């Protein structure tokens, strides 16, 4: 299918540890192969499970603050509204929300089919 499509948030992803939601927006179920986009909303103190993709991933922080952790190196990187996060393929990572919660959008490229099982 060619052209423009406007998409709503899709199915919930089982990647949140604590209070919050993660939903696929652009993913293999919408016909995407080269890019996935997810909306992840974490309440204060919540996080994601450990994530790792064969390809790279990119996220933008829409609201809130927290940290992204390189799970191999154990290094926490502070993130806040406006931060952009780039992860090399094969890098294990985890997001954690700070006191204001965390609202991010992004995902792996290419699509990681393992997220939708």
N, C-alpha and C. Protein backbone atom coordinates (compact mmCIF):
# COMPACT_ATOMS: atom_id res chain seq x y z
N UNK A 1 0.85 -1.18 0.00
CA UNK A 1 0.00 0.00 0.00
C UNK A 1 0.89 1.24 0.00
N UNK A 2 0.66 2.14 -0.91
CA UNK A 2 1.38 3.40 -0.98
C UNK A 2 0.49 4.51 -0.47
N UNK A 3 1.10 5.62 -0.11
CA UNK A 3 0.32 6.77 0.29
C UNK A 3 0.49 7.13 1.76
N UNK A 4 -0.39 7.98 2.21
CA UNK A 4 -0.36 8.48 3.58
C UNK A 4 -1.38 7.71 4.42
N UNK A 5 -0.98 7.33 5.60
CA UNK A 5 -1.89 6.68 6.55
C UNK A 5 -1.77 7.38 7.89
N UNK A 6 -2.87 7.63 8.54
CA UNK A 6 -2.89 8.18 9.89
C UNK A 6 -3.28 7.03 10.81
N UNK A 7 -2.43 6.75 11.80
CA UNK A 7 -2.60 5.57 12.64
C UNK A 7 -2.91 5.97 14.08
N UNK A 8 -3.77 5.21 14.70
CA UNK A 8 -4.01 5.34 16.13
C UNK A 8 -3.11 4.35 16.86
N UNK A 9 -3.06 4.49 18.18
CA UNK A 9 -2.29 3.53 18.96
C UNK A 9 -2.91 2.15 18.79
N UNK A 10 -2.07 1.16 18.64
CA UNK A 10 -2.51 -0.20 18.39
C UNK A 10 -2.43 -1.07 19.63
N UNK A 11 -2.03 -2.33 19.44
CA UNK A 11 -2.05 -3.29 20.54
C UNK A 11 -1.05 -2.94 21.64
N UNK A 12 -1.39 -3.38 22.84
CA UNK A 12 -0.52 -3.17 23.99
C UNK A 12 0.65 -4.15 23.91
N UNK A 13 1.83 -3.65 24.27
CA UNK A 13 3.04 -4.47 24.30
C UNK A 13 3.34 -4.85 25.74
N UNK A 14 3.79 -6.06 25.96
CA UNK A 14 4.09 -6.56 27.30
C UNK A 14 5.53 -6.22 27.69
N UNK A 15 5.83 -4.91 27.73
CA UNK A 15 7.21 -4.50 28.03
C UNK A 15 7.29 -3.56 29.24
N UNK A 16 6.17 -3.31 29.92
CA UNK A 16 6.17 -2.38 31.05
C UNK A 16 6.27 -3.17 32.36
N UNK A 17 7.17 -2.70 33.22
CA UNK A 17 7.34 -3.27 34.56
C UNK A 17 6.85 -2.21 35.55
N UNK A 18 5.65 -2.40 36.08
CA UNK A 18 5.05 -1.40 36.96
C UNK A 18 3.84 -0.78 36.29
N UNK A 19 3.50 0.42 36.75
CA UNK A 19 2.31 1.10 36.24
C UNK A 19 2.64 1.87 34.96
N UNK A 20 1.84 1.63 33.93
CA UNK A 20 2.03 2.33 32.67
C UNK A 20 1.54 1.49 31.52
N UNK A 21 1.75 1.99 30.31
CA UNK A 21 1.33 1.27 29.11
C UNK A 21 2.37 1.45 28.02
N UNK A 22 2.41 0.48 27.13
CA UNK A 22 3.21 0.57 25.91
C UNK A 22 2.35 0.05 24.78
N UNK A 23 2.24 0.83 23.73
CA UNK A 23 1.38 0.45 22.60
C UNK A 23 2.14 0.61 21.29
N UNK A 24 1.94 -0.34 20.40
CA UNK A 24 2.50 -0.25 19.06
C UNK A 24 1.67 0.75 18.25
N UNK A 25 2.34 1.56 17.47
CA UNK A 25 1.66 2.49 16.55
C UNK A 25 2.00 2.07 15.12
N UNK A 26 3.28 2.05 14.81
CA UNK A 26 3.76 1.56 13.53
C UNK A 26 4.51 0.26 13.81
N UNK A 27 4.11 -0.82 13.15
CA UNK A 27 4.70 -2.13 13.42
C UNK A 27 4.34 -3.07 12.28
N UNK A 28 4.77 -4.30 12.36
CA UNK A 28 4.51 -5.24 11.28
C UNK A 28 3.01 -5.42 11.03
N UNK A 29 2.18 -5.27 12.04
CA UNK A 29 0.73 -5.37 11.87
C UNK A 29 0.13 -4.25 11.05
N UNK A 30 0.86 -3.15 10.88
CA UNK A 30 0.39 -2.07 10.02
C UNK A 30 1.08 -2.12 8.66
N UNK A 31 1.88 -3.17 8.45
CA UNK A 31 2.58 -3.35 7.19
C UNK A 31 4.00 -2.82 7.18
N UNK A 32 4.47 -2.27 8.30
CA UNK A 32 5.82 -1.73 8.36
C UNK A 32 6.86 -2.85 8.47
N UNK A 33 7.98 -2.67 7.83
CA UNK A 33 9.09 -3.61 7.93
C UNK A 33 10.37 -2.92 8.36
N UNK A 34 10.51 -1.64 7.99
CA UNK A 34 11.77 -0.94 8.19
C UNK A 34 11.83 -0.07 9.44
N UNK A 35 10.68 0.20 10.08
CA UNK A 35 10.66 1.10 11.23
C UNK A 35 9.47 0.75 12.10
N UNK A 36 9.69 0.73 13.42
CA UNK A 36 8.59 0.58 14.38
C UNK A 36 8.52 1.84 15.23
N UNK A 37 7.33 2.23 15.61
CA UNK A 37 7.12 3.35 16.52
C UNK A 37 6.15 2.89 17.60
N UNK A 38 6.56 3.11 18.84
CA UNK A 38 5.74 2.73 19.99
C UNK A 38 5.55 3.95 20.87
N UNK A 39 4.46 3.98 21.62
CA UNK A 39 4.22 5.03 22.62
C UNK A 39 4.30 4.34 23.97
N UNK A 40 5.23 4.77 24.80
CA UNK A 40 5.45 4.17 26.11
C UNK A 40 5.20 5.23 27.16
N UNK A 41 4.23 4.98 28.02
CA UNK A 41 3.90 5.90 29.12
C UNK A 41 4.15 5.18 30.43
N UNK A 42 5.07 5.71 31.23
CA UNK A 42 5.43 5.10 32.50
C UNK A 42 5.09 6.03 33.65
N UNK A 43 4.43 5.49 34.65
CA UNK A 43 4.14 6.25 35.87
C UNK A 43 5.42 6.37 36.69
N UNK A 44 5.48 7.33 37.63
CA UNK A 44 6.68 7.46 38.47
C UNK A 44 7.08 6.12 39.09
N UNK A 45 8.37 5.81 39.00
CA UNK A 45 8.90 4.59 39.57
C UNK A 45 8.77 3.36 38.69
N UNK A 46 8.02 3.42 37.59
CA UNK A 46 7.86 2.28 36.69
C UNK A 46 9.00 2.26 35.67
N UNK A 47 9.10 1.18 34.94
CA UNK A 47 10.13 1.06 33.92
C UNK A 47 9.70 0.10 32.84
N UNK A 48 10.60 -0.18 31.95
CA UNK A 48 10.37 -1.23 30.96
C UNK A 48 11.17 -2.45 31.38
N UNK A 49 10.82 -3.58 30.82
CA UNK A 49 11.64 -4.76 30.95
C UNK A 49 12.90 -4.53 30.13
N UNK A 50 13.86 -5.42 30.25
CA UNK A 50 15.08 -5.34 29.45
C UNK A 50 14.70 -5.56 27.99
N UNK A 51 15.12 -4.66 27.13
CA UNK A 51 14.84 -4.72 25.69
C UNK A 51 16.15 -4.85 24.93
N UNK A 52 16.09 -5.53 23.81
CA UNK A 52 17.26 -5.66 22.93
C UNK A 52 16.76 -6.04 21.55
N UNK A 53 17.29 -5.38 20.53
CA UNK A 53 16.84 -5.61 19.17
C UNK A 53 18.04 -5.87 18.26
N UNK A 54 17.85 -6.66 17.20
CA UNK A 54 18.95 -6.88 16.26
C UNK A 54 19.41 -5.58 15.59
N UNK A 55 18.46 -4.70 15.29
CA UNK A 55 18.79 -3.42 14.67
C UNK A 55 18.81 -2.30 15.70
N UNK A 56 19.08 -1.11 15.24
CA UNK A 56 19.14 0.05 16.14
C UNK A 56 17.74 0.47 16.58
N UNK A 57 17.68 1.34 17.58
CA UNK A 57 16.42 1.90 18.04
C UNK A 57 16.63 3.38 18.36
N UNK A 58 15.56 4.16 18.19
CA UNK A 58 15.58 5.59 18.47
C UNK A 58 14.30 5.95 19.21
N UNK A 59 14.43 6.79 20.25
CA UNK A 59 13.29 7.25 21.03
C UNK A 59 13.41 8.74 21.29
N UNK A 60 12.26 9.39 21.48
CA UNK A 60 12.20 10.80 21.87
C UNK A 60 11.36 10.90 23.14
N UNK A 61 11.83 11.70 24.08
CA UNK A 61 11.08 11.92 25.32
C UNK A 61 10.10 13.07 25.08
N UNK A 62 8.80 12.76 25.18
CA UNK A 62 7.76 13.77 24.97
C UNK A 62 7.48 14.55 26.24
N UNK A 63 7.44 13.85 27.37
CA UNK A 63 7.15 14.47 28.67
C UNK A 63 7.87 13.69 29.76
N UNK A 64 8.13 14.36 30.86
CA UNK A 64 8.67 13.69 32.04
C UNK A 64 10.18 13.58 32.03
N UNK A 65 10.66 12.69 32.91
CA UNK A 65 12.09 12.50 33.07
C UNK A 65 12.34 11.08 33.56
N UNK A 66 13.60 10.71 33.58
CA UNK A 66 13.97 9.39 34.05
C UNK A 66 15.36 9.03 33.59
N UNK A 67 15.54 7.76 33.22
CA UNK A 67 16.86 7.29 32.80
C UNK A 67 16.68 6.16 31.79
N UNK A 68 17.70 6.01 30.95
CA UNK A 68 17.83 4.83 30.11
C UNK A 68 19.15 4.19 30.53
N UNK A 69 19.10 2.89 30.75
CA UNK A 69 20.25 2.15 31.24
C UNK A 69 20.77 1.23 30.17
N UNK A 70 22.08 1.28 29.94
CA UNK A 70 22.76 0.30 29.10
C UNK A 70 22.93 -0.94 29.98
N UNK A 71 22.13 -1.96 29.73
CA UNK A 71 22.10 -3.13 30.61
C UNK A 71 23.40 -3.92 30.60
N UNK A 72 24.21 -3.80 29.55
CA UNK A 72 25.51 -4.48 29.53
C UNK A 72 26.50 -3.76 30.42
N UNK A 73 26.57 -2.44 30.26
CA UNK A 73 27.54 -1.66 31.01
C UNK A 73 27.04 -1.15 32.34
N UNK A 74 25.71 -1.26 32.57
CA UNK A 74 25.15 -0.79 33.82
C UNK A 74 25.18 0.72 33.97
N UNK A 75 25.35 1.45 32.87
CA UNK A 75 25.45 2.91 32.92
C UNK A 75 24.07 3.52 32.73
N UNK A 76 23.66 4.37 33.68
CA UNK A 76 22.40 5.11 33.57
C UNK A 76 22.65 6.45 32.90
N UNK A 77 21.80 6.79 31.97
CA UNK A 77 21.87 8.08 31.30
C UNK A 77 20.58 8.84 31.62
N UNK A 78 20.70 10.01 32.22
CA UNK A 78 19.53 10.82 32.55
C UNK A 78 18.88 11.30 31.27
N UNK A 79 17.53 11.26 31.25
CA UNK A 79 16.78 11.76 30.11
C UNK A 79 15.65 12.64 30.62
N UNK A 80 15.25 13.60 29.79
CA UNK A 80 14.18 14.53 30.15
C UNK A 80 13.46 14.95 28.87
N UNK A 81 12.38 15.69 29.06
CA UNK A 81 11.62 16.18 27.91
C UNK A 81 12.56 16.77 26.86
N UNK A 82 12.39 16.32 25.62
CA UNK A 82 13.23 16.80 24.53
C UNK A 82 14.44 15.92 24.24
N UNK A 83 14.79 15.00 25.15
CA UNK A 83 15.93 14.13 24.91
C UNK A 83 15.64 13.17 23.76
N UNK A 84 16.69 12.88 23.00
CA UNK A 84 16.63 11.86 21.95
C UNK A 84 17.61 10.77 22.35
N UNK A 85 17.19 9.52 22.17
CA UNK A 85 18.00 8.38 22.57
C UNK A 85 18.25 7.52 21.35
N UNK A 86 19.52 7.20 21.07
CA UNK A 86 19.88 6.28 19.99
C UNK A 86 20.58 5.08 20.61
N UNK A 87 20.15 3.88 20.21
CA UNK A 87 20.74 2.64 20.70
C UNK A 87 21.24 1.83 19.52
N UNK A 88 22.49 1.41 19.57
CA UNK A 88 23.03 0.54 18.52
C UNK A 88 22.35 -0.82 18.58
N UNK A 89 22.29 -1.48 17.44
CA UNK A 89 21.74 -2.83 17.39
C UNK A 89 22.45 -3.75 18.36
N UNK A 90 21.70 -4.61 19.02
CA UNK A 90 22.28 -5.55 19.96
C UNK A 90 22.56 -5.00 21.34
N UNK A 91 22.22 -3.73 21.58
CA UNK A 91 22.45 -3.12 22.90
C UNK A 91 21.25 -3.39 23.80
N UNK A 92 21.45 -4.09 24.92
CA UNK A 92 20.34 -4.28 25.86
C UNK A 92 20.11 -2.99 26.66
N UNK A 93 18.85 -2.62 26.83
CA UNK A 93 18.55 -1.37 27.51
C UNK A 93 17.24 -1.47 28.27
N UNK A 94 17.04 -0.48 29.13
CA UNK A 94 15.82 -0.42 29.95
C UNK A 94 15.54 1.05 30.24
N UNK A 95 14.27 1.46 30.18
CA UNK A 95 13.86 2.80 30.57
C UNK A 95 13.31 2.76 31.99
N UNK A 96 13.55 3.82 32.75
CA UNK A 96 12.98 3.97 34.09
C UNK A 96 12.45 5.39 34.22
N UNK A 97 11.23 5.51 34.74
CA UNK A 97 10.61 6.83 34.92
C UNK A 97 11.08 7.47 36.21
N UNK A 98 11.20 8.79 36.17
CA UNK A 98 11.55 9.56 37.35
C UNK A 98 10.29 10.00 38.09
N UNK A 99 10.42 11.03 38.91
CA UNK A 99 9.33 11.52 39.75
C UNK A 99 8.15 12.06 38.97
N UNK A 100 8.36 12.50 37.73
CA UNK A 100 7.28 13.06 36.92
C UNK A 100 6.73 12.06 35.91
N UNK A 101 7.14 10.81 35.99
CA UNK A 101 6.74 9.83 34.99
C UNK A 101 7.54 10.03 33.71
N UNK A 102 7.25 9.24 32.70
CA UNK A 102 8.00 9.29 31.45
C UNK A 102 7.07 8.92 30.30
N UNK A 103 7.06 9.75 29.27
CA UNK A 103 6.24 9.52 28.08
C UNK A 103 7.18 9.60 26.89
N UNK A 104 7.39 8.47 26.20
CA UNK A 104 8.34 8.43 25.09
C UNK A 104 7.68 7.81 23.87
N UNK A 105 8.24 8.12 22.71
CA UNK A 105 7.81 7.53 21.45
C UNK A 105 9.06 7.12 20.68
N UNK A 106 8.98 5.97 20.04
CA UNK A 106 10.10 5.49 19.25
C UNK A 106 10.06 3.99 19.14
N UNK A 107 11.16 3.42 18.69
CA UNK A 107 11.24 1.97 18.57
C UNK A 107 12.36 1.55 17.67
N UNK A 108 12.42 0.24 17.42
CA UNK A 108 13.52 -0.31 16.64
C UNK A 108 13.34 -0.16 15.13
N UNK A 109 14.48 -0.19 14.44
CA UNK A 109 14.50 -0.22 12.98
C UNK A 109 15.59 -1.21 12.57
N UNK A 110 15.24 -2.24 11.84
CA UNK A 110 13.90 -2.56 11.35
C UNK A 110 12.98 -3.05 12.47
N UNK A 111 11.75 -3.34 12.12
CA UNK A 111 10.78 -3.86 13.07
C UNK A 111 11.35 -5.12 13.73
N UNK A 112 11.17 -5.25 15.04
CA UNK A 112 11.60 -6.44 15.79
C UNK A 112 10.37 -7.31 16.04
N UNK A 113 10.15 -8.36 15.23
CA UNK A 113 8.92 -9.16 15.34
C UNK A 113 8.73 -9.78 16.73
N UNK A 114 9.79 -9.99 17.47
CA UNK A 114 9.70 -10.59 18.80
C UNK A 114 8.90 -9.77 19.79
N UNK A 115 8.71 -8.49 19.52
CA UNK A 115 7.95 -7.63 20.42
C UNK A 115 6.45 -7.89 20.33
N UNK A 116 5.99 -8.54 19.28
CA UNK A 116 4.56 -8.66 19.02
C UNK A 116 4.04 -10.09 19.17
N UNK A 117 4.85 -10.97 19.73
CA UNK A 117 4.42 -12.37 19.94
C UNK A 117 3.38 -12.46 21.03
